[in-house]
C-alpha cells in the first residue's frame, strides 16, 4: 500500500535523525495520534451536523405527515443539502482505519527492524 510506504519512509527518516528505532516508533506514533485526533475532531463536527439534520427531518415529518409528496420532496432537499456531511464523516473513519492498519503492517511485517537498536 502507498500509505505503508509513506509511513515506512517517515519512520526511516526519523530513525536517521535519532538513530534509535524505539524512539522513532514513539515519535511516529505521536505524529499519527495527532493526525487521528484531527480526523476525530472533524468527524465530531460532522456528526453534530448530522444530528441537527435529523432533528430537521423529524420536524419535516411531523409537519407534512399528511402530505406524502411534499414530505418526500422536503426530505430529499434536506438530504441533498446535507449529504456531504454524511460522506465526510464516513471518509474520516475510513482514513483512520487505513492508517491504523498500515501502522500494524509496518510494525509486524517490515524488515527494517532487524539488527536495529530499539532503546538505549
N, C-alpha and C. Protein backbone atom coordinates (compact mmCIF):
# COMPACT_ATOMS: atom_id res chain seq x y z
N UNK A 1 0.82 -1.19 0.00
CA UNK A 1 0.00 0.00 0.00
C UNK A 1 0.87 1.25 0.00
N UNK A 2 0.31 2.29 -0.53
CA UNK A 2 1.02 3.56 -0.60
C UNK A 2 1.25 4.14 0.79
N UNK A 3 0.25 4.03 1.63
CA UNK A 3 0.38 4.58 2.98
C UNK A 3 1.46 3.85 3.76
N UNK A 4 1.57 2.52 3.56
CA UNK A 4 2.64 1.76 4.22
C UNK A 4 4.00 2.32 3.83
N UNK A 5 4.19 2.55 2.53
CA UNK A 5 5.49 3.07 2.05
C UNK A 5 5.77 4.46 2.62
N UNK A 6 4.75 5.29 2.65
CA UNK A 6 4.92 6.64 3.19
C UNK A 6 5.31 6.57 4.67
N UNK A 7 4.59 5.75 5.43
CA UNK A 7 4.89 5.66 6.87
C UNK A 7 6.25 5.03 7.13
N UNK A 8 6.63 4.03 6.32
CA UNK A 8 7.97 3.44 6.47
C UNK A 8 9.04 4.47 6.16
N UNK A 9 8.84 5.28 5.11
CA UNK A 9 9.82 6.32 4.78
C UNK A 9 9.92 7.36 5.89
N UNK A 10 8.79 7.73 6.46
CA UNK A 10 8.82 8.67 7.59
C UNK A 10 9.57 8.05 8.77
N UNK A 11 9.29 6.78 9.05
CA UNK A 11 9.96 6.09 10.15
C UNK A 11 11.47 6.01 9.92
N UNK A 12 11.87 5.72 8.70
CA UNK A 12 13.31 5.64 8.37
C UNK A 12 13.98 7.01 8.53
N UNK A 13 13.30 8.08 8.07
CA UNK A 13 13.87 9.42 8.21
C UNK A 13 14.00 9.83 9.68
N UNK A 14 12.98 9.50 10.47
CA UNK A 14 13.07 9.80 11.91
C UNK A 14 14.20 8.99 12.53
N UNK A 15 14.34 7.72 12.11
CA UNK A 15 15.39 6.85 12.64
C UNK A 15 16.77 7.38 12.28
N UNK A 16 16.93 7.94 11.08
CA UNK A 16 18.22 8.51 10.69
C UNK A 16 18.56 9.73 11.54
N UNK A 17 17.55 10.51 11.92
CA UNK A 17 17.79 11.68 12.76
C UNK A 17 18.15 11.28 14.19
N UNK A 18 17.42 10.31 14.74
CA UNK A 18 17.56 9.95 16.14
C UNK A 18 18.54 8.79 16.34
N UNK A 19 18.63 7.91 15.35
CA UNK A 19 19.48 6.72 15.39
C UNK A 19 19.05 5.76 16.50
N UNK A 20 17.74 5.68 16.71
CA UNK A 20 17.19 4.75 17.67
C UNK A 20 15.77 4.41 17.22
N UNK A 21 15.56 3.17 16.83
CA UNK A 21 14.29 2.77 16.24
C UNK A 21 13.14 2.83 17.25
N UNK A 22 13.41 2.52 18.51
CA UNK A 22 12.36 2.57 19.53
C UNK A 22 11.79 3.97 19.68
N UNK A 23 12.68 4.95 19.81
CA UNK A 23 12.22 6.33 19.92
C UNK A 23 11.58 6.81 18.62
N UNK A 24 12.08 6.33 17.49
CA UNK A 24 11.49 6.69 16.19
C UNK A 24 10.06 6.20 16.09
N UNK A 25 9.80 5.00 16.58
CA UNK A 25 8.44 4.45 16.58
C UNK A 25 7.54 5.28 17.48
N UNK A 26 8.07 5.70 18.63
CA UNK A 26 7.28 6.53 19.55
C UNK A 26 6.93 7.86 18.90
N UNK A 27 7.89 8.49 18.23
CA UNK A 27 7.64 9.77 17.57
C UNK A 27 6.63 9.60 16.43
N UNK A 28 6.77 8.53 15.64
CA UNK A 28 5.82 8.27 14.56
C UNK A 28 4.42 8.04 15.12
N UNK A 29 4.35 7.33 16.23
CA UNK A 29 3.05 7.08 16.87
C UNK A 29 2.41 8.39 17.32
N UNK A 30 3.21 9.29 17.87
CA UNK A 30 2.69 10.60 18.30
C UNK A 30 2.19 11.39 17.10
N UNK A 31 2.95 11.39 16.01
CA UNK A 31 2.52 12.08 14.79
C UNK A 31 1.20 11.53 14.27
N UNK A 32 1.08 10.21 14.27
CA UNK A 32 -0.15 9.58 13.78
C UNK A 32 -1.31 9.88 14.74
N UNK A 33 -1.03 9.93 16.03
CA UNK A 33 -2.07 10.27 17.00
C UNK A 33 -2.58 11.69 16.76
N UNK A 34 -1.70 12.60 16.40
CA UNK A 34 -2.11 13.98 16.09
C UNK A 34 -3.02 13.99 14.86
N UNK A 35 -2.65 13.22 13.84
CA UNK A 35 -3.47 13.14 12.63
C UNK A 35 -4.84 12.55 12.95
N UNK A 36 -4.85 11.47 13.71
CA UNK A 36 -6.12 10.81 14.05
C UNK A 36 -6.96 11.73 14.94
N UNK A 37 -6.34 12.48 15.82
CA UNK A 37 -7.09 13.42 16.66
C UNK A 37 -7.79 14.47 15.81
N UNK A 38 -7.07 14.99 14.80
CA UNK A 38 -7.69 16.00 13.93
C UNK A 38 -8.84 15.39 13.13
N UNK A 39 -8.68 14.14 12.70
CA UNK A 39 -9.77 13.47 11.99
C UNK A 39 -10.96 13.23 12.93
N UNK A 40 -10.68 12.90 14.18
CA UNK A 40 -11.75 12.73 15.17
C UNK A 40 -12.53 14.03 15.36
N UNK A 41 -11.79 15.13 15.42
CA UNK A 41 -12.42 16.43 15.60
C UNK A 41 -13.33 16.75 14.41
N UNK A 42 -12.85 16.49 13.20
CA UNK A 42 -13.65 16.71 12.00
C UNK A 42 -14.89 15.83 12.03
N UNK A 43 -14.71 14.57 12.41
CA UNK A 43 -15.83 13.64 12.44
C UNK A 43 -16.87 14.07 13.47
N UNK A 44 -16.45 14.58 14.61
CA UNK A 44 -17.40 15.04 15.62
C UNK A 44 -18.20 16.24 15.12
N UNK A 45 -17.54 17.13 14.40
CA UNK A 45 -18.24 18.29 13.83
C UNK A 45 -19.33 17.83 12.87
N UNK A 46 -18.99 16.91 11.99
CA UNK A 46 -19.98 16.45 11.02
C UNK A 46 -21.07 15.60 11.68
N UNK A 47 -20.72 14.86 12.72
CA UNK A 47 -21.75 14.10 13.43
C UNK A 47 -22.76 15.02 14.11
N UNK A 48 -22.29 16.15 14.63
CA UNK A 48 -23.23 17.11 15.23
C UNK A 48 -24.13 17.71 14.15
N UNK A 49 -23.58 17.95 12.96
CA UNK A 49 -24.41 18.46 11.86
C UNK A 49 -25.43 17.41 11.42
N UNK A 50 -25.04 16.15 11.46
CA UNK A 50 -25.96 15.07 11.11
C UNK A 50 -27.10 15.01 12.12
N UNK A 51 -26.78 15.18 13.41
CA UNK A 51 -27.83 15.19 14.44
C UNK A 51 -28.80 16.34 14.22
N UNK A 52 -28.26 17.50 13.84
CA UNK A 52 -29.13 18.64 13.57
C UNK A 52 -30.03 18.37 12.37
N UNK A 53 -29.49 17.72 11.35
CA UNK A 53 -30.32 17.41 10.18
C UNK A 53 -31.39 16.38 10.53
N UNK A 54 -31.08 15.48 11.45
CA UNK A 54 -32.09 14.51 11.89
C UNK A 54 -33.22 15.21 12.63
N UNK A 55 -32.88 16.21 13.42
CA UNK A 55 -33.92 16.99 14.10
C UNK A 55 -34.80 17.71 13.08
N UNK A 56 -34.17 18.28 12.06
CA UNK A 56 -34.92 18.94 11.00
C UNK A 56 -35.80 17.94 10.26
N UNK A 57 -35.26 16.74 10.03
CA UNK A 57 -36.04 15.70 9.35
C UNK A 57 -37.27 15.33 10.17
N UNK A 58 -37.10 15.19 11.46
CA UNK A 58 -38.24 14.86 12.32
C UNK A 58 -39.29 15.98 12.30
N UNK A 59 -38.85 17.23 12.29
CA UNK A 59 -39.79 18.35 12.21
C UNK A 59 -40.55 18.33 10.89
N UNK A 60 -39.84 18.05 9.81
CA UNK A 60 -40.48 17.98 8.49
C UNK A 60 -41.49 16.84 8.46
N UNK A 61 -41.13 15.72 9.02
CA UNK A 61 -42.04 14.56 9.05
C UNK A 61 -43.31 14.91 9.82
N UNK A 62 -43.16 15.56 10.94
CA UNK A 62 -44.35 15.92 11.73
C UNK A 62 -45.20 16.98 11.02
N UNK A 63 -44.53 17.90 10.34
CA UNK A 63 -45.25 18.99 9.67
C UNK A 63 -46.02 18.49 8.44
N UNK A 64 -45.41 17.58 7.67
CA UNK A 64 -46.01 17.14 6.41
C UNK A 64 -46.42 15.66 6.44
N UNK A 65 -46.76 15.15 7.58
CA UNK A 65 -47.09 13.72 7.67
C UNK A 65 -48.35 13.35 6.89
N UNK A 66 -49.22 14.30 6.64
CA UNK A 66 -50.43 14.01 5.88
C UNK A 66 -50.23 14.12 4.37
N UNK A 67 -49.23 14.88 3.94
CA UNK A 67 -48.98 15.06 2.52
C UNK A 67 -47.66 14.39 2.15
N UNK A 68 -47.74 13.17 1.65
CA UNK A 68 -46.55 12.35 1.38
C UNK A 68 -45.65 12.94 0.30
N UNK A 69 -46.23 13.53 -0.73
CA UNK A 69 -45.42 14.07 -1.83
C UNK A 69 -44.53 15.22 -1.37
N UNK A 70 -45.11 16.16 -0.65
CA UNK A 70 -44.33 17.29 -0.14
C UNK A 70 -43.30 16.80 0.87
N UNK A 71 -43.69 15.82 1.67
CA UNK A 71 -42.77 15.25 2.66
C UNK A 71 -41.54 14.66 1.97
N UNK A 72 -41.76 13.89 0.93
CA UNK A 72 -40.62 13.29 0.20
C UNK A 72 -39.72 14.35 -0.41
N UNK A 73 -40.34 15.38 -0.98
CA UNK A 73 -39.55 16.46 -1.61
C UNK A 73 -38.72 17.22 -0.58
N UNK A 74 -39.33 17.53 0.55
CA UNK A 74 -38.62 18.29 1.59
C UNK A 74 -37.47 17.47 2.18
N UNK A 75 -37.72 16.21 2.45
CA UNK A 75 -36.66 15.36 2.99
C UNK A 75 -35.55 15.16 1.97
N UNK A 76 -35.92 15.02 0.72
CA UNK A 76 -34.91 14.87 -0.33
C UNK A 76 -34.03 16.11 -0.43
N UNK A 77 -34.65 17.29 -0.35
CA UNK A 77 -33.88 18.55 -0.36
C UNK A 77 -32.92 18.61 0.82
N UNK A 78 -33.42 18.23 1.97
CA UNK A 78 -32.60 18.26 3.18
C UNK A 78 -31.42 17.29 3.06
N UNK A 79 -31.66 16.10 2.55
CA UNK A 79 -30.59 15.13 2.38
C UNK A 79 -29.58 15.57 1.33
N UNK A 80 -30.06 16.16 0.25
CA UNK A 80 -29.13 16.65 -0.78
C UNK A 80 -28.27 17.77 -0.21
N UNK A 81 -28.88 18.62 0.59
CA UNK A 81 -28.14 19.72 1.21
C UNK A 81 -27.09 19.19 2.19
N UNK A 82 -27.40 18.12 2.90
CA UNK A 82 -26.52 17.62 3.97
C UNK A 82 -25.80 16.32 3.62
N UNK A 83 -25.86 15.88 2.38
CA UNK A 83 -25.23 14.60 2.02
C UNK A 83 -23.71 14.65 2.21
N UNK A 84 -23.12 15.81 2.03
CA UNK A 84 -21.67 15.94 2.21
C UNK A 84 -21.30 15.61 3.66
N UNK A 85 -22.12 15.99 4.59
CA UNK A 85 -21.83 15.70 5.99
C UNK A 85 -21.73 14.20 6.24
N UNK A 86 -22.66 13.46 5.68
CA UNK A 86 -22.63 12.00 5.86
C UNK A 86 -21.38 11.40 5.24
N UNK A 87 -21.05 11.84 4.04
CA UNK A 87 -19.90 11.27 3.34
C UNK A 87 -18.58 11.64 4.01
N UNK A 88 -18.44 12.87 4.46
CA UNK A 88 -17.19 13.28 5.10
C UNK A 88 -17.00 12.60 6.45
N UNK A 89 -18.08 12.38 7.15
CA UNK A 89 -17.99 11.66 8.41
C UNK A 89 -17.50 10.23 8.17
N UNK A 90 -18.04 9.61 7.16
CA UNK A 90 -17.63 8.26 6.81
C UNK A 90 -16.20 8.23 6.28
N UNK A 91 -15.83 9.23 5.50
CA UNK A 91 -14.49 9.30 4.93
C UNK A 91 -13.42 9.40 6.01
N UNK A 92 -13.66 10.22 7.02
CA UNK A 92 -12.66 10.35 8.09
C UNK A 92 -12.49 9.03 8.84
N UNK A 93 -13.57 8.30 9.02
CA UNK A 93 -13.49 6.99 9.67
C UNK A 93 -12.67 6.01 8.82
N UNK A 94 -12.90 6.01 7.53
CA UNK A 94 -12.15 5.11 6.62
C UNK A 94 -10.66 5.46 6.64
N UNK A 95 -10.34 6.74 6.63
CA UNK A 95 -8.93 7.17 6.65
C UNK A 95 -8.26 6.70 7.94
N UNK A 96 -8.95 6.83 9.08
CA UNK A 96 -8.38 6.37 10.34
C UNK A 96 -8.12 4.88 10.33
N UNK A 97 -9.05 4.12 9.79
CA UNK A 97 -8.88 2.66 9.73
C UNK A 97 -7.69 2.30 8.84
N UNK A 98 -7.55 2.96 7.71
CA UNK A 98 -6.43 2.69 6.81
C UNK A 98 -5.10 3.01 7.48
N UNK A 99 -5.02 4.13 8.18
CA UNK A 99 -3.78 4.50 8.87
C UNK A 99 -3.43 3.47 9.95
N UNK A 100 -4.41 3.06 10.74
CA UNK A 100 -4.14 2.09 11.80
C UNK A 100 -3.73 0.73 11.25
N UNK A 101 -4.34 0.29 10.16
CA UNK A 101 -3.95 -0.98 9.53
C UNK A 101 -2.52 -0.87 8.98
N UNK A 102 -2.20 0.28 8.40
CA UNK A 102 -0.85 0.48 7.86
C UNK A 102 0.20 0.44 8.96
N UNK A 103 -0.08 1.09 10.08
CA UNK A 103 0.87 1.05 11.21
C UNK A 103 1.05 -0.38 11.70
N UNK A 104 -0.03 -1.11 11.79
CA UNK A 104 0.06 -2.51 12.21
C UNK A 104 0.93 -3.31 11.23
N UNK A 105 0.73 -3.10 9.94
CA UNK A 105 1.53 -3.81 8.94
C UNK A 105 3.00 -3.44 9.05
N UNK A 106 3.28 -2.17 9.25
CA UNK A 106 4.68 -1.73 9.35
C UNK A 106 5.36 -2.39 10.55
N UNK A 107 4.68 -2.39 11.68
CA UNK A 107 5.30 -2.89 12.90
C UNK A 107 5.40 -4.42 12.93
N UNK A 108 4.59 -5.12 12.17
CA UNK A 108 4.63 -6.58 12.20
C UNK A 108 5.36 -7.20 11.02
N UNK A 109 5.33 -6.57 9.87
CA UNK A 109 5.87 -7.19 8.67
C UNK A 109 7.22 -6.60 8.24
N UNK A 110 7.44 -5.35 8.52
CA UNK A 110 8.59 -4.63 7.97
C UNK A 110 9.92 -5.27 8.35
N UNK A 111 10.87 -5.23 7.40
CA UNK A 111 12.20 -5.81 7.60
C UNK A 111 13.19 -4.80 8.18
N UNK A 112 12.77 -3.55 8.36
CA UNK A 112 13.71 -2.54 8.86
C UNK A 112 14.03 -2.73 10.33
N UNK A 113 13.32 -3.63 11.01
CA UNK A 113 13.55 -3.82 12.44
C UNK A 113 14.69 -4.79 12.75
N UNK A 114 15.17 -5.50 11.76
CA UNK A 114 16.25 -6.48 12.01
C UNK A 114 17.55 -5.74 12.34
N UNK A 115 18.22 -6.19 13.37
CA UNK A 115 19.52 -5.67 13.79
C UNK A 115 19.50 -4.18 14.08
N UNK A 116 18.39 -3.67 14.59
CA UNK A 116 18.31 -2.26 14.94
C UNK A 116 18.26 -2.12 16.45
N UNK A 117 18.86 -1.05 16.93
CA UNK A 117 18.84 -0.75 18.35
C UNK A 117 17.51 -0.08 18.66
N UNK A 118 16.79 -0.64 19.65
CA UNK A 118 15.47 -0.09 19.97
C UNK A 118 15.55 1.00 21.04
N UNK A 119 16.11 0.72 22.16
CA UNK A 119 16.20 1.73 23.22
C UNK A 119 17.58 1.63 23.85
N UNK A 120 18.13 2.80 24.15
CA UNK A 120 19.45 2.98 24.75
C UNK A 120 20.52 2.65 23.83
